[in-house]
Amino acid sequence: MSSMNVVVLIGRVVGPPELRYTPGGKAVAQFTIAVDRTRGSKNAQEKETDFVPVVAWERLAEICNEFLSKGKLISIQGALRTRTYETQ
C-alpha cells in the first residue's frame, strides 16, 4: 500500500504575496495564511491560530499575486513539505 500526502487548509491571508522569479524565469509566490482552530471541551474552548507558509509556482504564483490580499479567506489544497536546517 502506498502513502498519500494531501493537505486542505482554509484560512485568511496574512499579507500580500511576495512574487519573484527564479534565474530560469519561473514565477514563485510566497505568502502566509492564518488557520484558526479550537481545542478543549464545549464549555471551555480555546481558540488557537496556526500560521502556515505557502509557496505557489509558475502561473498559479502569478494568479495568487494578482488576486490575493490581506484578510482574504482562501482554501488551499496541496502537499505538506517540511524542511530542516542547521545554524552555525
PDB file of N, CA and C in Angstrom:
ATOM      1  N   MET A   1       0.849  -1.183   0.000  1.00  0.00           N
ATOM      2  CA  MET A   1       0.000   0.000   0.000  1.00  0.00           C
ATOM      3  C   MET A   1       0.891   1.241   0.000  1.00  0.00           C
ATOM      4  N   SER A   2       0.574   2.181  -0.834  1.00  0.00           N
ATOM      5  CA  SER A   2       1.346   3.420  -0.887  1.00  0.00           C
ATOM      6  C   SER A   2       0.755   4.454   0.069  1.00  0.00           C
ATOM      7  N   SER A   3       1.523   5.487   0.344  1.00  0.00           N
ATOM      8  CA  SER A   3       1.049   6.542   1.233  1.00  0.00           C
ATOM      9  C   SER A   3       0.558   7.735   0.420  1.00  0.00           C
ATOM     10  N   MET A   4      -0.105   8.670   1.100  1.00  0.00           N
ATOM     11  CA  MET A   4      -0.667   9.830   0.420  1.00  0.00           C
ATOM     12  C   MET A   4      -0.366  11.069   1.254  1.00  0.00           C
ATOM     13  N   ASN A   5       0.016  12.158   0.623  1.00  0.00           N
ATOM     14  CA  ASN A   5       0.335  13.411   1.291  1.00  0.00           C
ATOM     15  C   ASN A   5      -0.551  14.509   0.710  1.00  0.00           C
ATOM     16  N   VAL A   6      -1.735  14.707   1.299  1.00  0.00           N
ATOM     17  CA  VAL A   6      -2.670  15.731   0.837  1.00  0.00           C
ATOM     18  C   VAL A   6      -3.102  16.550   2.052  1.00  0.00           C
ATOM     19  N   VAL A   7      -3.052  17.869   1.898  1.00  0.00           N
ATOM     20  CA  VAL A   7      -3.456  18.782   2.967  1.00  0.00           C
ATOM     21  C   VAL A   7      -4.461  19.769   2.402  1.00  0.00           C
ATOM     22  N   VAL A   8      -5.545  20.011   3.139  1.00  0.00           N
ATOM     23  CA  VAL A   8      -6.531  21.025   2.766  1.00  0.00           C
ATOM     24  C   VAL A   8      -6.629  22.004   3.931  1.00  0.00           C
ATOM     25  N   LEU A   9      -6.395  23.285   3.644  1.00  0.00           N
ATOM     26  CA  LEU A   9      -6.454  24.323   4.663  1.00  0.00           C
ATOM     27  C   LEU A   9      -7.401  25.426   4.223  1.00  0.00           C
ATOM     28  N   ILE A  10      -8.146  25.977   5.178  1.00  0.00           N
ATOM     29  CA  ILE A  10      -8.977  27.147   4.939  1.00  0.00           C
ATOM     30  C   ILE A  10      -8.546  28.188   5.957  1.00  0.00           C
ATOM     31  N   GLY A  11      -8.138  29.344   5.459  1.00  0.00           N
ATOM     32  CA  GLY A  11      -7.659  30.383   6.358  1.00  0.00           C
ATOM     33  C   GLY A  11      -7.628  31.732   5.667  1.00  0.00           C
ATOM     34  N   ARG A  12      -7.114  32.704   6.388  1.00  0.00           N
ATOM     35  CA  ARG A  12      -7.045  34.071   5.865  1.00  0.00           C
ATOM     36  C   ARG A  12      -5.599  34.442   5.540  1.00  0.00           C
ATOM     37  N   VAL A  13      -5.443  35.177   4.443  1.00  0.00           N
ATOM     38  CA  VAL A  13      -4.124  35.616   4.005  1.00  0.00           C
ATOM     39  C   VAL A  13      -3.612  36.669   4.989  1.00  0.00           C
ATOM     40  N   VAL A  14      -2.380  36.483   5.476  1.00  0.00           N
ATOM     41  CA  VAL A  14      -1.806  37.385   6.476  1.00  0.00           C
ATOM     42  C   VAL A  14      -1.288  38.672   5.842  1.00  0.00           C
ATOM     43  N   GLY A  15      -0.742  38.584   4.656  1.00  0.00           N
ATOM     44  CA  GLY A  15      -0.209  39.758   3.967  1.00  0.00           C
ATOM     45  C   GLY A  15      -0.167  39.485   2.473  1.00  0.00           C
ATOM     46  N   PRO A  16       0.146  40.473   1.678  1.00  0.00           N
ATOM     47  CA  PRO A  16       0.163  40.264   0.226  1.00  0.00           C
ATOM     48  C   PRO A  16       1.259  39.269  -0.163  1.00  0.00           C
ATOM     49  N   PRO A  17       1.028  38.469  -1.201  1.00  0.00           N
ATOM     50  CA  PRO A  17       2.054  37.525  -1.656  1.00  0.00           C
ATOM     51  C   PRO A  17       3.302  38.264  -2.150  1.00  0.00           C
ATOM     52  N   GLU A  18       4.440  37.626  -1.954  1.00  0.00           N
ATOM     53  CA  GLU A  18       5.707  38.150  -2.466  1.00  0.00           C
ATOM     54  C   GLU A  18       6.028  37.377  -3.737  1.00  0.00           C
ATOM     55  N   LEU A  19       5.972  38.038  -4.886  1.00  0.00           N
ATOM     56  CA  LEU A  19       6.224  37.391  -6.172  1.00  0.00           C
ATOM     57  C   LEU A  19       7.647  37.684  -6.615  1.00  0.00           C
ATOM     58  N   ARG A  20       8.350  36.629  -7.012  1.00  0.00           N
ATOM     59  CA  ARG A  20       9.689  36.796  -7.573  1.00  0.00           C
ATOM     60  C   ARG A  20       9.875  35.750  -8.656  1.00  0.00           C
ATOM     61  N   TYR A  21      10.967  35.850  -9.363  1.00  0.00           N
ATOM     62  CA  TYR A  21      11.243  34.926 -10.465  1.00  0.00           C
ATOM     63  C   TYR A  21      12.600  34.265 -10.255  1.00  0.00           C
ATOM     64  N   THR A  22      12.681  32.973 -10.574  1.00  0.00           N
ATOM     65  CA  THR A  22      13.948  32.255 -10.499  1.00  0.00           C
ATOM     66  C   THR A  22      14.833  32.708 -11.661  1.00  0.00           C
ATOM     67  N   PRO A  23      16.132  32.404 -11.595  1.00  0.00           N
ATOM     68  CA  PRO A  23      17.007  32.755 -12.729  1.00  0.00           C
ATOM     69  C   PRO A  23      16.536  32.122 -14.047  1.00  0.00           C
ATOM     70  N   GLY A  24      15.820  30.995 -13.964  1.00  0.00           N
ATOM     71  CA  GLY A  24      15.293  30.355 -15.166  1.00  0.00           C
ATOM     72  C   GLY A  24      13.981  30.952 -15.649  1.00  0.00           C
ATOM     73  N   GLY A  25      13.437  31.949 -14.928  1.00  0.00           N
ATOM     74  CA  GLY A  25      12.224  32.631 -15.359  1.00  0.00           C
ATOM     75  C   GLY A  25      10.930  32.095 -14.779  1.00  0.00           C
ATOM     76  N   LYS A  26      10.988  31.133 -13.835  1.00  0.00           N
ATOM     77  CA  LYS A  26       9.760  30.611 -13.236  1.00  0.00           C
ATOM     78  C   LYS A  26       9.291  31.529 -12.109  1.00  0.00           C
ATOM     79  N   ALA A  27       7.994  31.803 -12.081  1.00  0.00           N
ATOM     80  CA  ALA A  27       7.417  32.642 -11.037  1.00  0.00           C
ATOM     81  C   ALA A  27       7.253  31.837  -9.751  1.00  0.00           C
ATOM     82  N   VAL A  28       7.528  32.505  -8.618  1.00  0.00           N
ATOM     83  CA  VAL A  28       7.362  31.894  -7.298  1.00  0.00           C
ATOM     84  C   VAL A  28       6.686  32.923  -6.404  1.00  0.00           C
ATOM     85  N   ALA A  29       5.560  32.550  -5.791  1.00  0.00           N
ATOM     86  CA  ALA A  29       4.872  33.437  -4.847  1.00  0.00           C
ATOM     87  C   ALA A  29       4.911  32.801  -3.466  1.00  0.00           C
ATOM     88  N   GLN A  30       5.246  33.604  -2.467  1.00  0.00           N
ATOM     89  CA  GLN A  30       5.251  33.142  -1.084  1.00  0.00           C
ATOM     90  C   GLN A  30       4.326  34.035  -0.274  1.00  0.00           C
ATOM     91  N   PHE A  31       3.520  33.405   0.568  1.00  0.00           N
ATOM     92  CA  PHE A  31       2.652  34.143   1.473  1.00  0.00           C
ATOM     93  C   PHE A  31       2.299  33.241   2.643  1.00  0.00           C
ATOM     94  N   THR A  32       1.660  33.793   3.638  1.00  0.00           N
ATOM     95  CA  THR A  32       1.298  33.051   4.846  1.00  0.00           C
ATOM     96  C   THR A  32      -0.204  33.141   5.046  1.00  0.00           C
ATOM     97  N   ILE A  33      -0.807  32.024   5.502  1.00  0.00           N
ATOM     98  CA  ILE A  33      -2.217  32.065   5.872  1.00  0.00           C
ATOM     99  C   ILE A  33      -2.352  31.747   7.359  1.00  0.00           C
ATOM    100  N   ALA A  34      -3.366  32.323   7.977  1.00  0.00           N
ATOM    101  CA  ALA A  34      -3.688  32.076   9.384  1.00  0.00           C
ATOM    102  C   ALA A  34      -4.883  31.131   9.435  1.00  0.00           C
ATOM    103  N   VAL A  35      -4.695  29.997  10.083  1.00  0.00           N
ATOM    104  CA  VAL A  35      -5.743  28.977  10.187  1.00  0.00           C
ATOM    105  C   VAL A  35      -6.160  28.879  11.650  1.00  0.00           C
ATOM    106  N   ASP A  36      -7.420  29.159  11.935  1.00  0.00           N
ATOM    107  CA  ASP A  36      -7.935  29.094  13.307  1.00  0.00           C
ATOM    108  C   ASP A  36      -8.427  27.689  13.629  1.00  0.00           C
ATOM    109  N   ARG A  37      -8.278  27.303  14.896  1.00  0.00           N
ATOM    110  CA  ARG A  37      -8.822  26.040  15.373  1.00  0.00           C
ATOM    111  C   ARG A  37      -9.173  26.202  16.845  1.00  0.00           C
ATOM    112  N   THR A  38     -10.058  25.364  17.309  1.00  0.00           N
ATOM    113  CA  THR A  38     -10.447  25.402  18.715  1.00  0.00           C
ATOM    114  C   THR A  38     -10.041  24.094  19.377  1.00  0.00           C
ATOM    115  N   ARG A  39      -9.761  24.181  20.654  1.00  0.00           N
ATOM    116  CA  ARG A  39      -9.462  22.969  21.407  1.00  0.00           C
ATOM    117  C   ARG A  39     -10.061  23.103  22.790  1.00  0.00           C
ATOM    118  N   GLY A  40     -10.280  21.970  23.418  1.00  0.00           N
ATOM    119  CA  GLY A  40     -10.884  21.961  24.736  1.00  0.00           C
ATOM    120  C   GLY A  40     -12.300  21.427  24.679  1.00  0.00           C
ATOM    121  N   SER A  41     -12.984  21.493  25.789  1.00  0.00           N
ATOM    122  CA  SER A  41     -14.354  20.988  25.873  1.00  0.00           C
ATOM    123  C   SER A  41     -15.338  22.036  25.369  1.00  0.00           C
ATOM    124  N   LYS A  42     -16.605  21.652  25.273  1.00  0.00           N
ATOM    125  CA  LYS A  42     -17.627  22.586  24.797  1.00  0.00           C
ATOM    126  C   LYS A  42     -17.747  23.800  25.705  1.00  0.00           C
ATOM    127  N   ASN A  43     -17.539  23.612  27.011  1.00  0.00           N
ATOM    128  CA  ASN A  43     -17.697  24.711  27.959  1.00  0.00           C
ATOM    129  C   ASN A  43     -16.475  25.633  28.006  1.00  0.00           C
ATOM    130  N   ALA A  44     -15.306  25.104  27.730  1.00  0.00           N
ATOM    131  CA  ALA A  44     -14.087  25.900  27.846  1.00  0.00           C
ATOM    132  C   ALA A  44     -13.237  25.732  26.595  1.00  0.00           C
ATOM    133  N   GLN A  45     -13.690  26.317  25.504  1.00  0.00           N
ATOM    134  CA  GLN A  45     -12.930  26.218  24.262  1.00  0.00           C
ATOM    135  C   GLN A  45     -11.925  27.351  24.150  1.00  0.00           C
ATOM    136  N   GLU A  46     -10.744  26.997  23.698  1.00  0.00           N
ATOM    137  CA  GLU A  46      -9.710  27.996  23.435  1.00  0.00           C
ATOM    138  C   GLU A  46      -9.464  28.063  21.942  1.00  0.00           C
ATOM    139  N   LYS A  47      -9.372  29.274  21.425  1.00  0.00           N
ATOM    140  CA  LYS A  47      -9.105  29.471  20.000  1.00  0.00           C
ATOM    141  C   LYS A  47      -7.598  29.608  19.815  1.00  0.00           C
ATOM    142  N   GLU A  48      -7.057  28.833  18.895  1.00  0.00           N
ATOM    143  CA  GLU A  48      -5.639  28.911  18.573  1.00  0.00           C
ATOM    144  C   GLU A  48      -5.495  29.185  17.077  1.00  0.00           C
ATOM    145  N   THR A  49      -4.419  29.856  16.725  1.00  0.00           N
ATOM    146  CA  THR A  49      -4.173  30.179  15.325  1.00  0.00           C
ATOM    147  C   THR A  49      -2.819  29.621  14.913  1.00  0.00           C
ATOM    148  N   ASP A  50      -2.799  28.913  13.796  1.00  0.00           N
ATOM    149  CA  ASP A  50      -1.562  28.435  13.200  1.00  0.00           C
ATOM    150  C   ASP A  50      -1.259  29.299  11.984  1.00  0.00           C
ATOM    151  N   PHE A  51      -0.002  29.685  11.838  1.00  0.00           N
ATOM    152  CA  PHE A  51       0.431  30.460  10.679  1.00  0.00           C
ATOM    153  C   PHE A  51       1.211  29.527   9.758  1.00  0.00           C
ATOM    154  N   VAL A  52       0.680  29.330   8.553  1.00  0.00           N
ATOM    155  CA  VAL A  52       1.222  28.341   7.631  1.00  0.00           C
ATOM    156  C   VAL A  52       1.822  29.047   6.413  1.00  0.00           C
ATOM    157  N   PRO A  53       3.127  28.847   6.169  1.00  0.00           N
ATOM    158  CA  PRO A  53       3.729  29.424   4.962  1.00  0.00           C
ATOM    159  C   PRO A  53       3.307  28.639   3.726  1.00  0.00           C
ATOM    160  N   VAL A  54       3.016  29.363   2.642  1.00  0.00           N
ATOM    161  CA  VAL A  54       2.554  28.748   1.394  1.00  0.00           C
ATOM    162  C   VAL A  54       3.465  29.207   0.258  1.00  0.00           C
ATOM    163  N   VAL A  55       3.798  28.272  -0.628  1.00  0.00           N
ATOM    164  CA  VAL A  55       4.598  28.588  -1.814  1.00  0.00           C
ATOM    165  C   VAL A  55       3.831  28.109  -3.043  1.00  0.00           C
ATOM    166  N   ALA A  56       3.640  28.997  -4.008  1.00  0.00           N
ATOM    167  CA  ALA A  56       2.979  28.652  -5.274  1.00  0.00           C
ATOM    168  C   ALA A  56       3.955  28.912  -6.416  1.00  0.00           C
ATOM    169  N   TRP A  57       3.883  28.082  -7.446  1.00  0.00           N
ATOM    170  CA  TRP A  57       4.822  28.156  -8.567  1.00  0.00           C
ATOM    171  C   TRP A  57       4.127  28.484  -9.880  1.00  0.00           C
ATOM    172  N   GLU A  58       4.884  29.045 -10.787  1.00  0.00           N
ATOM    173  CA  GLU A  58       4.534  29.312 -12.174  1.00  0.00           C
ATOM    174  C   GLU A  58       3.244  30.127 -12.313  1.00  0.00           C
ATOM    175  N   ARG A  59       2.297  29.704 -13.140  1.00  0.00           N
ATOM    176  CA  ARG A  59       1.094  30.506 -13.401  1.00  0.00           C
ATOM    177  C   ARG A  59       0.267  30.702 -12.131  1.00  0.00           C
ATOM    178  N   LEU A  60       0.213  29.680 -11.273  1.00  0.00           N
ATOM    179  CA  LEU A  60      -0.528  29.810 -10.018  1.00  0.00           C
ATOM    180  C   LEU A  60       0.072  30.910  -9.143  1.00  0.00           C
ATOM    181  N   ALA A  61       1.378  31.060  -9.158  1.00  0.00           N
ATOM    182  CA  ALA A  61       2.033  32.133  -8.396  1.00  0.00           C
ATOM    183  C   ALA A  61       1.586  33.504  -8.900  1.00  0.00           C
ATOM    184  N   GLU A  62       1.494  33.659 -10.204  1.00  0.00           N
ATOM    185  CA  GLU A  62       1.062  34.932 -10.778  1.00  0.00           C
ATOM    186  C   GLU A  62      -0.403  35.216 -10.450  1.00  0.00           C
ATOM    187  N   ILE A  63      -1.252  34.183 -10.442  1.00  0.00           N
ATOM    188  CA  ILE A  63      -2.667  34.350 -10.086  1.00  0.00           C
ATOM    189  C   ILE A  63      -2.793  34.750  -8.616  1.00  0.00           C
ATOM    190  N   CYS A  64      -2.026  34.099  -7.747  1.00  0.00           N
ATOM    191  CA  CYS A  64      -2.038  34.453  -6.324  1.00  0.00           C
ATOM    192  C   CYS A  64      -1.646  35.914  -6.135  1.00  0.00           C
ATOM    193  N   ASN A  65      -0.618  36.349  -6.824  1.00  0.00           N
ATOM    194  CA  ASN A  65      -0.157  37.727  -6.714  1.00  0.00           C
ATOM    195  C   ASN A  65      -1.225  38.718  -7.181  1.00  0.00           C
ATOM    196  N   GLU A  66      -1.978  38.337  -8.191  1.00  0.00           N
ATOM    197  CA  GLU A  66      -2.998  39.228  -8.751  1.00  0.00           C
ATOM    198  C   GLU A  66      -4.246  39.331  -7.869  1.00  0.00           C
ATOM    199  N   PHE A  67      -4.690  38.218  -7.275  1.00  0.00           N
ATOM    200  CA  PHE A  67      -5.990  38.197  -6.615  1.00  0.00           C
ATOM    201  C   PHE A  67      -5.967  38.149  -5.091  1.00  0.00           C
ATOM    202  N   LEU A  68      -4.862  37.753  -4.473  1.00  0.00           N
ATOM    203  CA  LEU A  68      -4.846  37.621  -3.013  1.00  0.00           C
ATOM    204  C   LEU A  68      -4.425  38.925  -2.352  1.00  0.00           C
ATOM    205  N   SER A  69      -5.066  39.214  -1.231  1.00  0.00           N
ATOM    206  CA  SER A  69      -4.718  40.384  -0.436  1.00  0.00           C
ATOM    207  C   SER A  69      -4.938  40.050   1.033  1.00  0.00           C
ATOM    208  N   LYS A  70      -4.424  40.881   1.902  1.00  0.00           N
ATOM    209  CA  LYS A  70      -4.506  40.651   3.339  1.00  0.00           C
ATOM    210  C   LYS A  70      -5.965  40.496   3.777  1.00  0.00           C
ATOM    211  N   GLY A  71      -6.237  39.450   4.568  1.00  0.00           N
ATOM    212  CA  GLY A  71      -7.568  39.222   5.117  1.00  0.00           C
ATOM    213  C   GLY A  71      -8.487  38.380   4.258  1.00  0.00           C
ATOM    214  N   LYS A  72      -8.109  38.096   3.021  1.00  0.00           N
ATOM    215  CA  LYS A  72      -8.952  37.313   2.119  1.00  0.00           C
ATOM    216  C   LYS A  72      -9.014  35.858   2.588  1.00  0.00           C
ATOM    217  N   LEU A  73     -10.226  35.303   2.648  1.00  0.00           N
ATOM    218  CA  LEU A  73     -10.429  33.910   3.044  1.00  0.00           C
ATOM    219  C   LEU A  73     -10.198  33.022   1.825  1.00  0.00           C
ATOM    220  N   ILE A  74      -9.305  32.036   1.980  1.00  0.00           N
ATOM    221  CA  ILE A  74      -8.994  31.150   0.860  1.00  0.00           C
ATOM    222  C   ILE A  74      -8.937  29.696   1.323  1.00  0.00           C
ATOM    223  N   SER A  75      -9.068  28.807   0.370  1.00  0.00           N
ATOM    224  CA  SER A  75      -8.911  27.373   0.592  1.00  0.00           C
ATOM    225  C   SER A  75      -7.729  26.911  -0.248  1.00  0.00           C
ATOM    226  N   ILE A  76      -6.870  26.110   0.358  1.00  0.00           N
ATOM    227  CA  ILE A  76      -5.674  25.626  -0.327  1.00  0.00           C
ATOM    228  C   ILE A  76      -5.618  24.107  -0.214  1.00  0.00           C
ATOM    229  N   GLN A  77      -5.301  23.452  -1.311  1.00  0.00           N
ATOM    230  CA  GLN A  77      -5.069  22.009  -1.295  1.00  0.00           C
ATOM    231  C   GLN A  77      -3.695  21.762  -1.884  1.00  0.00           C
ATOM    232  N   GLY A  78      -2.909  20.959  -1.198  1.00  0.00           N
ATOM    233  CA  GLY A  78      -1.566  20.684  -1.685  1.00  0.00           C
ATOM    234  C   GLY A  78      -0.886  19.618  -0.867  1.00  0.00           C
ATOM    235  N   ALA A  79       0.414  19.515  -1.026  1.00  0.00           N
ATOM    236  CA  ALA A  79       1.217  18.542  -0.290  1.00  0.00           C
ATOM    237  C   ALA A  79       1.976  19.257   0.817  1.00  0.00           C
ATOM    238  N   LEU A  80       2.110  18.596   1.942  1.00  0.00           N
ATOM    239  CA  LEU A  80       2.840  19.152   3.073  1.00  0.00           C
ATOM    240  C   LEU A  80       4.311  18.795   2.923  1.00  0.00           C
ATOM    241  N   ARG A  81       5.171  19.802   3.017  1.00  0.00           N
ATOM    242  CA  ARG A  81       6.617  19.586   2.943  1.00  0.00           C
ATOM    243  C   ARG A  81       7.255  20.232   4.156  1.00  0.00           C
ATOM    244  N   THR A  82       8.172  19.554   4.777  1.00  0.00           N
ATOM    245  CA  THR A  82       8.893  20.099   5.911  1.00  0.00           C
ATOM    246  C   THR A  82      10.360  20.273   5.511  1.00  0.00           C
ATOM    247  N   ARG A  83      11.007  21.220   6.155  1.00  0.00           N
ATOM    248  CA  ARG A  83      12.419  21.484   5.873  1.00  0.00           C
ATOM    249  C   ARG A  83      13.186  21.472   7.176  1.00  0.00           C
ATOM    250  N   THR A  84      14.417  21.074   7.114  1.00  0.00           N
ATOM    251  CA  THR A  84      15.304  21.159   8.268  1.00  0.00           C
ATOM    252  C   THR A  84      16.547  21.940   7.859  1.00  0.00           C
ATOM    253  N   TYR A  85      17.141  22.606   8.819  1.00  0.00           N
ATOM    254  CA  TYR A  85      18.355  23.343   8.544  1.00  0.00           C
ATOM    255  C   TYR A  85      19.171  23.426   9.822  1.00  0.00           C
ATOM    256  N   GLU A  86      20.452  23.677   9.678  1.00  0.00           N
ATOM    257  CA  GLU A  86      21.351  23.817  10.811  1.00  0.00           C
ATOM    258  C   GLU A  86      21.910  25.232  10.824  1.00  0.00           C
ATOM    259  N   THR A  87      21.983  25.801  12.018  1.00  0.00           N
ATOM    260  CA  THR A  87      22.575  27.128  12.164  1.00  0.00           C
ATOM    261  C   THR A  87      23.998  26.972  12.673  1.00  0.00           C
ATOM    262  N   GLN A  88      24.769  28.014  12.545  1.00  0.00           N
ATOM    263  CA  GLN A  88      26.185  27.952  12.985  1.00  0.00           C
ATOM    264  C   GLN A  88      26.299  28.040  14.489  1.00  0.00           C
TER     265      GLN A  88
END
